[in-house]
N, C-alpha and C. Protein backbone atom coordinates (compact mmCIF):
# COMPACT_ATOMS: atom_id res chain seq x y z
N MET A 1 39.44 -15.66 -29.96
CA MET A 1 38.18 -15.15 -30.45
C MET A 1 37.02 -16.05 -30.01
N ILE A 2 37.23 -17.35 -30.08
CA ILE A 2 36.20 -18.30 -29.67
C ILE A 2 35.92 -18.15 -28.17
N GLU A 3 36.95 -17.94 -27.39
CA GLU A 3 36.77 -17.75 -25.95
C GLU A 3 35.95 -16.49 -25.67
N LEU A 4 36.18 -15.45 -26.41
CA LEU A 4 35.43 -14.20 -26.24
C LEU A 4 33.95 -14.40 -26.57
N VAL A 5 33.67 -15.10 -27.64
CA VAL A 5 32.28 -15.40 -28.01
C VAL A 5 31.63 -16.25 -26.92
N PHE A 6 32.38 -17.23 -26.40
CA PHE A 6 31.85 -18.10 -25.34
C PHE A 6 31.50 -17.27 -24.09
N VAL A 7 32.36 -16.36 -23.70
CA VAL A 7 32.11 -15.50 -22.53
C VAL A 7 30.88 -14.64 -22.77
N ILE A 8 30.72 -14.09 -23.95
CA ILE A 8 29.56 -13.25 -24.26
C ILE A 8 28.27 -14.07 -24.19
N VAL A 9 28.30 -15.30 -24.69
CA VAL A 9 27.13 -16.18 -24.64
C VAL A 9 26.78 -16.50 -23.19
N VAL A 10 27.76 -16.82 -22.38
CA VAL A 10 27.51 -17.14 -20.97
C VAL A 10 26.93 -15.92 -20.25
N LEU A 11 27.46 -14.73 -20.50
CA LEU A 11 26.92 -13.52 -19.89
C LEU A 11 25.47 -13.26 -20.34
N GLY A 12 25.18 -13.53 -21.56
CA GLY A 12 23.81 -13.38 -22.06
C GLY A 12 22.85 -14.32 -21.37
N ILE A 13 23.28 -15.57 -21.17
CA ILE A 13 22.43 -16.54 -20.47
C ILE A 13 22.19 -16.10 -19.03
N LEU A 14 23.24 -15.65 -18.36
CA LEU A 14 23.10 -15.19 -16.98
C LEU A 14 22.14 -13.98 -16.89
N ALA A 15 22.26 -13.07 -17.85
CA ALA A 15 21.36 -11.91 -17.86
C ALA A 15 19.92 -12.33 -18.09
N ALA A 16 19.71 -13.30 -18.97
CA ALA A 16 18.36 -13.78 -19.26
C ALA A 16 17.72 -14.42 -18.03
N VAL A 17 18.52 -15.01 -17.17
CA VAL A 17 18.00 -15.63 -15.95
C VAL A 17 17.80 -14.58 -14.86
N ALA A 18 18.70 -13.62 -14.74
CA ALA A 18 18.68 -12.66 -13.63
C ALA A 18 17.60 -11.59 -13.78
N ILE A 19 17.34 -11.11 -14.98
CA ILE A 19 16.39 -10.00 -15.17
C ILE A 19 14.97 -10.36 -14.71
N PRO A 20 14.41 -11.53 -15.06
CA PRO A 20 13.07 -11.85 -14.54
C PRO A 20 13.03 -11.98 -13.03
N LYS A 21 14.09 -12.50 -12.43
CA LYS A 21 14.13 -12.62 -10.97
C LYS A 21 14.17 -11.25 -10.32
N PHE A 22 14.86 -10.30 -10.94
CA PHE A 22 14.92 -8.95 -10.42
C PHE A 22 13.54 -8.30 -10.45
N ALA A 23 12.79 -8.50 -11.51
CA ALA A 23 11.44 -7.94 -11.61
C ALA A 23 10.52 -8.52 -10.54
N ALA A 24 10.64 -9.83 -10.28
CA ALA A 24 9.81 -10.46 -9.25
C ALA A 24 10.18 -9.94 -7.87
N SER A 25 11.46 -9.71 -7.61
CA SER A 25 11.85 -9.22 -6.30
C SER A 25 11.39 -7.77 -6.10
N ARG A 26 11.28 -7.01 -7.18
CA ARG A 26 10.78 -5.64 -7.08
C ARG A 26 9.31 -5.63 -6.65
N THR A 27 8.51 -6.51 -7.24
CA THR A 27 7.10 -6.63 -6.85
C THR A 27 6.99 -7.09 -5.40
N ASP A 28 7.82 -8.06 -5.00
CA ASP A 28 7.80 -8.52 -3.62
C ASP A 28 8.15 -7.39 -2.66
N ALA A 29 9.08 -6.53 -3.03
CA ALA A 29 9.46 -5.39 -2.19
C ALA A 29 8.29 -4.40 -2.07
N GLN A 30 7.58 -4.17 -3.17
CA GLN A 30 6.43 -3.27 -3.13
C GLN A 30 5.33 -3.83 -2.23
N ILE A 31 5.13 -5.14 -2.27
CA ILE A 31 4.13 -5.78 -1.40
C ILE A 31 4.56 -5.67 0.06
N ALA A 32 5.84 -5.89 0.34
CA ALA A 32 6.33 -5.79 1.72
C ALA A 32 6.17 -4.36 2.25
N LYS A 33 6.47 -3.37 1.42
CA LYS A 33 6.30 -1.97 1.83
C LYS A 33 4.82 -1.68 2.08
N GLY A 34 3.96 -2.16 1.20
CA GLY A 34 2.52 -1.95 1.37
C GLY A 34 1.99 -2.59 2.64
N ARG A 35 2.46 -3.80 2.95
CA ARG A 35 2.04 -4.48 4.18
C ARG A 35 2.45 -3.66 5.41
N ALA A 36 3.67 -3.13 5.38
CA ALA A 36 4.14 -2.31 6.50
C ALA A 36 3.31 -1.03 6.62
N ASP A 37 3.00 -0.41 5.49
CA ASP A 37 2.18 0.81 5.51
C ASP A 37 0.78 0.53 6.04
N VAL A 38 0.17 -0.57 5.61
CA VAL A 38 -1.17 -0.93 6.08
C VAL A 38 -1.13 -1.14 7.60
N SER A 39 -0.11 -1.82 8.09
CA SER A 39 0.01 -2.03 9.53
C SER A 39 0.17 -0.71 10.28
N SER A 40 0.96 0.20 9.73
CA SER A 40 1.15 1.51 10.36
C SER A 40 -0.14 2.30 10.40
N VAL A 41 -0.88 2.31 9.31
CA VAL A 41 -2.14 3.04 9.25
C VAL A 41 -3.15 2.44 10.23
N ARG A 42 -3.26 1.12 10.26
CA ARG A 42 -4.18 0.48 11.19
C ARG A 42 -3.79 0.78 12.64
N SER A 43 -2.51 0.74 12.93
CA SER A 43 -2.03 1.06 14.27
C SER A 43 -2.33 2.51 14.62
N GLY A 44 -2.15 3.41 13.66
CA GLY A 44 -2.46 4.82 13.88
C GLY A 44 -3.93 5.06 14.15
N ILE A 45 -4.78 4.33 13.46
CA ILE A 45 -6.23 4.45 13.68
C ILE A 45 -6.58 4.01 15.10
N ILE A 46 -6.01 2.91 15.54
CA ILE A 46 -6.28 2.40 16.89
C ILE A 46 -5.72 3.35 17.95
N THR A 47 -4.52 3.87 17.71
CA THR A 47 -3.92 4.81 18.65
C THR A 47 -4.77 6.06 18.80
N GLU A 48 -5.25 6.57 17.68
CA GLU A 48 -6.13 7.75 17.71
C GLU A 48 -7.42 7.44 18.46
N ARG A 49 -7.96 6.24 18.24
CA ARG A 49 -9.18 5.83 18.96
C ARG A 49 -8.93 5.76 20.45
N GLN A 50 -7.78 5.21 20.85
CA GLN A 50 -7.46 5.12 22.28
C GLN A 50 -7.36 6.51 22.90
N SER A 51 -6.77 7.46 22.18
CA SER A 51 -6.68 8.83 22.67
C SER A 51 -8.06 9.44 22.84
N ARG A 52 -8.95 9.13 21.93
CA ARG A 52 -10.32 9.66 22.03
C ARG A 52 -11.08 9.02 23.18
N LEU A 53 -10.86 7.73 23.42
CA LEU A 53 -11.55 7.06 24.52
C LEU A 53 -11.17 7.65 25.87
N ILE A 54 -9.91 8.04 26.01
CA ILE A 54 -9.46 8.64 27.27
C ILE A 54 -10.22 9.92 27.57
N THR A 55 -10.56 10.65 26.51
CA THR A 55 -11.30 11.91 26.70
C THR A 55 -12.81 11.70 26.73
N GLY A 56 -13.26 10.45 26.59
CA GLY A 56 -14.69 10.17 26.65
C GLY A 56 -15.38 10.12 25.29
N ASP A 57 -14.62 10.22 24.22
CA ASP A 57 -15.19 10.18 22.86
C ASP A 57 -14.96 8.77 22.30
N ALA A 58 -16.03 8.03 22.06
CA ALA A 58 -15.91 6.64 21.61
C ALA A 58 -15.89 6.49 20.09
N THR A 59 -15.80 7.59 19.34
CA THR A 59 -15.82 7.50 17.88
C THR A 59 -14.42 7.34 17.32
N PHE A 60 -14.36 6.81 16.11
CA PHE A 60 -13.10 6.75 15.36
C PHE A 60 -12.89 8.08 14.64
N ILE A 61 -11.68 8.32 14.19
CA ILE A 61 -11.35 9.54 13.48
C ILE A 61 -12.18 9.64 12.20
N LYS A 62 -12.57 10.85 11.84
CA LYS A 62 -13.33 11.06 10.61
C LYS A 62 -12.44 10.78 9.40
N GLY A 63 -13.05 10.28 8.35
CA GLY A 63 -12.30 10.02 7.12
C GLY A 63 -11.68 11.28 6.56
N SER A 64 -12.36 12.39 6.71
CA SER A 64 -11.85 13.66 6.19
C SER A 64 -10.68 14.20 7.01
N GLU A 65 -10.47 13.67 8.22
CA GLU A 65 -9.37 14.13 9.07
C GLU A 65 -8.11 13.27 8.92
N LEU A 66 -8.22 12.14 8.24
CA LEU A 66 -7.06 11.25 8.10
C LEU A 66 -5.88 11.93 7.42
N ASN A 67 -6.17 12.82 6.48
CA ASN A 67 -5.10 13.41 5.66
C ASN A 67 -4.69 14.81 6.11
N SER A 68 -4.96 15.18 7.35
CA SER A 68 -4.55 16.51 7.78
C SER A 68 -3.02 16.55 7.88
N GLY A 69 -2.42 17.47 7.15
CA GLY A 69 -0.97 17.59 7.14
C GLY A 69 -0.27 16.64 6.18
N GLY A 70 -1.00 15.98 5.31
CA GLY A 70 -0.43 15.05 4.34
C GLY A 70 -1.18 13.73 4.38
N LEU A 71 -0.83 12.83 3.48
CA LEU A 71 -1.51 11.53 3.38
C LEU A 71 -1.33 10.75 4.68
N PHE A 72 -2.42 10.46 5.36
CA PHE A 72 -2.47 9.80 6.66
C PHE A 72 -1.79 10.63 7.76
N GLY A 73 -1.64 11.92 7.53
CA GLY A 73 -1.00 12.80 8.50
C GLY A 73 -1.81 12.96 9.78
N GLY A 74 -3.10 12.66 9.75
CA GLY A 74 -3.92 12.76 10.95
C GLY A 74 -3.68 11.66 11.95
N ILE A 75 -3.01 10.57 11.53
CA ILE A 75 -2.78 9.44 12.43
C ILE A 75 -1.33 8.99 12.49
N LEU A 76 -0.51 9.42 11.53
CA LEU A 76 0.90 9.02 11.52
C LEU A 76 1.79 10.21 11.87
N THR A 77 2.91 9.94 12.51
CA THR A 77 3.85 11.00 12.85
C THR A 77 4.39 11.65 11.58
N TYR A 78 4.72 10.84 10.60
CA TYR A 78 5.23 11.33 9.32
C TYR A 78 4.28 10.89 8.22
N PRO A 79 3.64 11.82 7.52
CA PRO A 79 2.71 11.45 6.45
C PRO A 79 3.40 10.68 5.34
N ILE A 80 2.63 9.90 4.61
CA ILE A 80 3.13 9.12 3.48
C ILE A 80 3.07 10.00 2.23
N THR A 81 4.05 9.85 1.35
CA THR A 81 4.08 10.60 0.11
C THR A 81 2.94 10.17 -0.81
N ASP A 82 2.20 11.13 -1.31
CA ASP A 82 1.08 10.87 -2.22
C ASP A 82 1.61 10.83 -3.65
N SER A 83 1.58 9.65 -4.27
CA SER A 83 2.10 9.48 -5.63
C SER A 83 1.38 8.32 -6.30
N THR A 84 1.26 8.38 -7.62
CA THR A 84 0.61 7.30 -8.37
C THR A 84 1.61 6.27 -8.89
N GLU A 85 2.88 6.41 -8.55
CA GLU A 85 3.91 5.47 -9.01
C GLU A 85 3.79 4.15 -8.26
N ALA A 86 4.37 3.10 -8.84
CA ALA A 86 4.36 1.79 -8.21
C ALA A 86 5.04 1.85 -6.85
N GLY A 87 4.42 1.19 -5.87
CA GLY A 87 4.96 1.16 -4.52
C GLY A 87 4.58 2.37 -3.69
N HIS A 88 3.61 3.16 -4.14
CA HIS A 88 3.20 4.36 -3.43
C HIS A 88 1.68 4.40 -3.26
N TRP A 89 1.24 5.22 -2.31
CA TRP A 89 -0.17 5.45 -2.02
C TRP A 89 -0.64 6.74 -2.66
N HIS A 90 -1.91 6.79 -3.00
CA HIS A 90 -2.51 8.05 -3.40
C HIS A 90 -3.99 8.06 -2.99
N SER A 91 -4.42 9.24 -2.60
CA SER A 91 -5.80 9.42 -2.19
C SER A 91 -6.67 9.53 -3.45
N THR A 92 -7.87 8.98 -3.37
CA THR A 92 -8.77 9.08 -4.52
C THR A 92 -9.55 10.38 -4.48
N GLY A 93 -9.42 11.13 -3.38
CA GLY A 93 -10.10 12.41 -3.27
C GLY A 93 -11.56 12.30 -2.93
N THR A 94 -12.00 11.13 -2.47
CA THR A 94 -13.41 10.95 -2.14
C THR A 94 -13.60 10.81 -0.63
N ASP A 95 -12.85 11.59 0.15
CA ASP A 95 -12.95 11.53 1.60
C ASP A 95 -14.23 12.19 2.10
N SER A 96 -14.83 11.58 3.08
CA SER A 96 -15.99 12.16 3.77
C SER A 96 -15.80 11.87 5.26
N ASP A 97 -16.72 12.34 6.07
CA ASP A 97 -16.61 12.02 7.49
C ASP A 97 -16.78 10.52 7.74
N ALA A 98 -17.60 9.86 6.94
CA ALA A 98 -17.91 8.45 7.15
C ALA A 98 -16.83 7.51 6.61
N GLN A 99 -16.14 7.90 5.54
CA GLN A 99 -15.11 7.01 4.99
C GLN A 99 -14.14 7.78 4.11
N ALA A 100 -13.03 7.12 3.80
CA ALA A 100 -12.03 7.67 2.90
C ALA A 100 -11.47 6.52 2.07
N THR A 101 -11.13 6.79 0.81
CA THR A 101 -10.63 5.74 -0.07
C THR A 101 -9.24 6.11 -0.60
N TYR A 102 -8.45 5.07 -0.77
CA TYR A 102 -7.06 5.22 -1.21
C TYR A 102 -6.72 4.10 -2.18
N ASN A 103 -5.67 4.32 -2.96
CA ASN A 103 -5.14 3.27 -3.83
C ASN A 103 -3.68 3.06 -3.51
N TYR A 104 -3.26 1.80 -3.49
CA TYR A 104 -1.85 1.46 -3.38
C TYR A 104 -1.46 0.77 -4.68
N ASN A 105 -0.43 1.25 -5.33
CA ASN A 105 -0.03 0.74 -6.64
C ASN A 105 1.04 -0.33 -6.48
N VAL A 106 0.75 -1.53 -6.96
CA VAL A 106 1.71 -2.64 -6.98
C VAL A 106 1.92 -3.03 -8.42
N ALA A 107 3.13 -2.83 -8.92
CA ALA A 107 3.50 -3.24 -10.27
C ALA A 107 2.51 -2.72 -11.32
N GLY A 108 2.05 -1.49 -11.16
CA GLY A 108 1.14 -0.89 -12.14
C GLY A 108 -0.32 -1.19 -11.92
N THR A 109 -0.66 -1.93 -10.87
CA THR A 109 -2.05 -2.26 -10.56
C THR A 109 -2.47 -1.54 -9.29
N ASP A 110 -3.55 -0.76 -9.37
CA ASP A 110 -4.07 -0.08 -8.19
C ASP A 110 -4.93 -1.02 -7.36
N VAL A 111 -4.63 -1.07 -6.07
CA VAL A 111 -5.42 -1.85 -5.12
C VAL A 111 -6.16 -0.84 -4.25
N GLY A 112 -7.48 -0.89 -4.29
CA GLY A 112 -8.30 0.08 -3.57
C GLY A 112 -8.48 -0.27 -2.10
N PHE A 113 -8.22 0.68 -1.22
CA PHE A 113 -8.42 0.53 0.22
C PHE A 113 -9.48 1.52 0.67
N THR A 114 -10.27 1.11 1.65
CA THR A 114 -11.32 1.97 2.19
C THR A 114 -11.20 2.01 3.71
N TYR A 115 -11.22 3.23 4.25
CA TYR A 115 -11.31 3.42 5.69
C TYR A 115 -12.78 3.68 6.01
N THR A 116 -13.33 2.93 6.95
CA THR A 116 -14.72 3.09 7.36
C THR A 116 -14.75 3.54 8.82
N ARG A 117 -15.29 4.72 9.04
CA ARG A 117 -15.29 5.31 10.38
C ARG A 117 -16.15 4.54 11.37
N SER A 118 -17.26 3.99 10.94
CA SER A 118 -18.19 3.36 11.87
C SER A 118 -17.55 2.24 12.69
N ASN A 119 -16.63 1.49 12.08
CA ASN A 119 -15.97 0.41 12.82
C ASN A 119 -14.44 0.52 12.81
N GLY A 120 -13.90 1.57 12.22
CA GLY A 120 -12.45 1.81 12.24
C GLY A 120 -11.63 0.89 11.36
N THR A 121 -12.26 0.26 10.37
CA THR A 121 -11.50 -0.67 9.53
C THR A 121 -10.80 0.06 8.38
N PHE A 122 -9.65 -0.48 7.99
CA PHE A 122 -8.89 0.00 6.84
C PHE A 122 -8.49 -1.24 6.07
N SER A 123 -9.18 -1.50 4.96
CA SER A 123 -8.95 -2.74 4.24
C SER A 123 -9.29 -2.61 2.77
N CYS A 124 -8.89 -3.62 2.02
CA CYS A 124 -9.22 -3.69 0.60
C CYS A 124 -10.17 -4.87 0.38
N SER A 125 -10.73 -4.96 -0.80
CA SER A 125 -11.69 -6.02 -1.12
C SER A 125 -10.98 -7.12 -1.91
N LYS A 126 -11.06 -8.35 -1.38
CA LYS A 126 -10.48 -9.49 -2.07
C LYS A 126 -11.46 -10.10 -3.07
N THR A 127 -12.64 -9.51 -3.19
CA THR A 127 -13.66 -10.08 -4.06
C THR A 127 -14.07 -9.18 -5.22
N SER A 128 -13.60 -7.93 -5.25
CA SER A 128 -13.98 -7.05 -6.36
C SER A 128 -12.73 -6.46 -6.99
N GLY A 129 -12.86 -6.06 -8.25
CA GLY A 129 -11.73 -5.51 -8.99
C GLY A 129 -11.15 -6.54 -9.94
N THR A 130 -10.02 -6.20 -10.53
CA THR A 130 -9.36 -7.12 -11.45
C THR A 130 -8.77 -8.29 -10.67
N ASP A 131 -8.45 -9.35 -11.39
CA ASP A 131 -7.84 -10.51 -10.75
C ASP A 131 -6.52 -10.14 -10.08
N ALA A 132 -5.72 -9.30 -10.75
CA ALA A 132 -4.44 -8.88 -10.18
C ALA A 132 -4.66 -8.06 -8.91
N ALA A 133 -5.65 -7.17 -8.91
CA ALA A 133 -5.94 -6.35 -7.72
C ALA A 133 -6.40 -7.22 -6.56
N LYS A 134 -7.24 -8.23 -6.84
CA LYS A 134 -7.70 -9.13 -5.78
C LYS A 134 -6.53 -9.93 -5.21
N ASP A 135 -5.64 -10.39 -6.08
CA ASP A 135 -4.47 -11.15 -5.64
C ASP A 135 -3.54 -10.30 -4.79
N TYR A 136 -3.27 -9.08 -5.25
CA TYR A 136 -2.39 -8.18 -4.49
C TYR A 136 -3.06 -7.78 -3.16
N CYS A 137 -4.36 -7.60 -3.16
CA CYS A 137 -5.08 -7.26 -1.94
C CYS A 137 -4.86 -8.37 -0.90
N ALA A 138 -5.03 -9.61 -1.31
CA ALA A 138 -4.83 -10.72 -0.40
C ALA A 138 -3.41 -10.74 0.16
N LYS A 139 -2.43 -10.44 -0.70
CA LYS A 139 -1.04 -10.43 -0.25
C LYS A 139 -0.75 -9.26 0.69
N LEU A 140 -1.48 -8.16 0.53
CA LEU A 140 -1.24 -6.98 1.35
C LEU A 140 -1.89 -7.07 2.74
N ILE A 141 -2.99 -7.79 2.86
CA ILE A 141 -3.69 -7.80 4.16
C ILE A 141 -3.66 -9.15 4.86
N ASP A 142 -3.28 -10.23 4.23
CA ASP A 142 -3.26 -11.54 4.89
C ASP A 142 -1.93 -11.80 5.56
């Protein structure tokens, strides 16, 4: 009986150590996915610009055209799923020709990204928003 109690105590200690580490690795995975998505979107913007330059059009894609056929479907072969869950992107619905805005959710915190047509940038602000959003923004784009 004492051995059984001892085993249960040891398993409890191991669980107490493992569960917080699992939560941290989940956030790290969401950040890694977000970094890959940001790189894909930026690459898609540049690829679309290169295609336009060949035809003599020096402009970047319109913000309202980014989502044709799905989230980022205007520049990616396979659009990204639009969802408000952690580790996913969602459009804020404020697309215009000049810009488009999106949120990427990391561990329940939305990080706002803006596409600006005038210079083709797709980035988030490391200086505005909550402290968690600024921290996640830095991790997603640096």
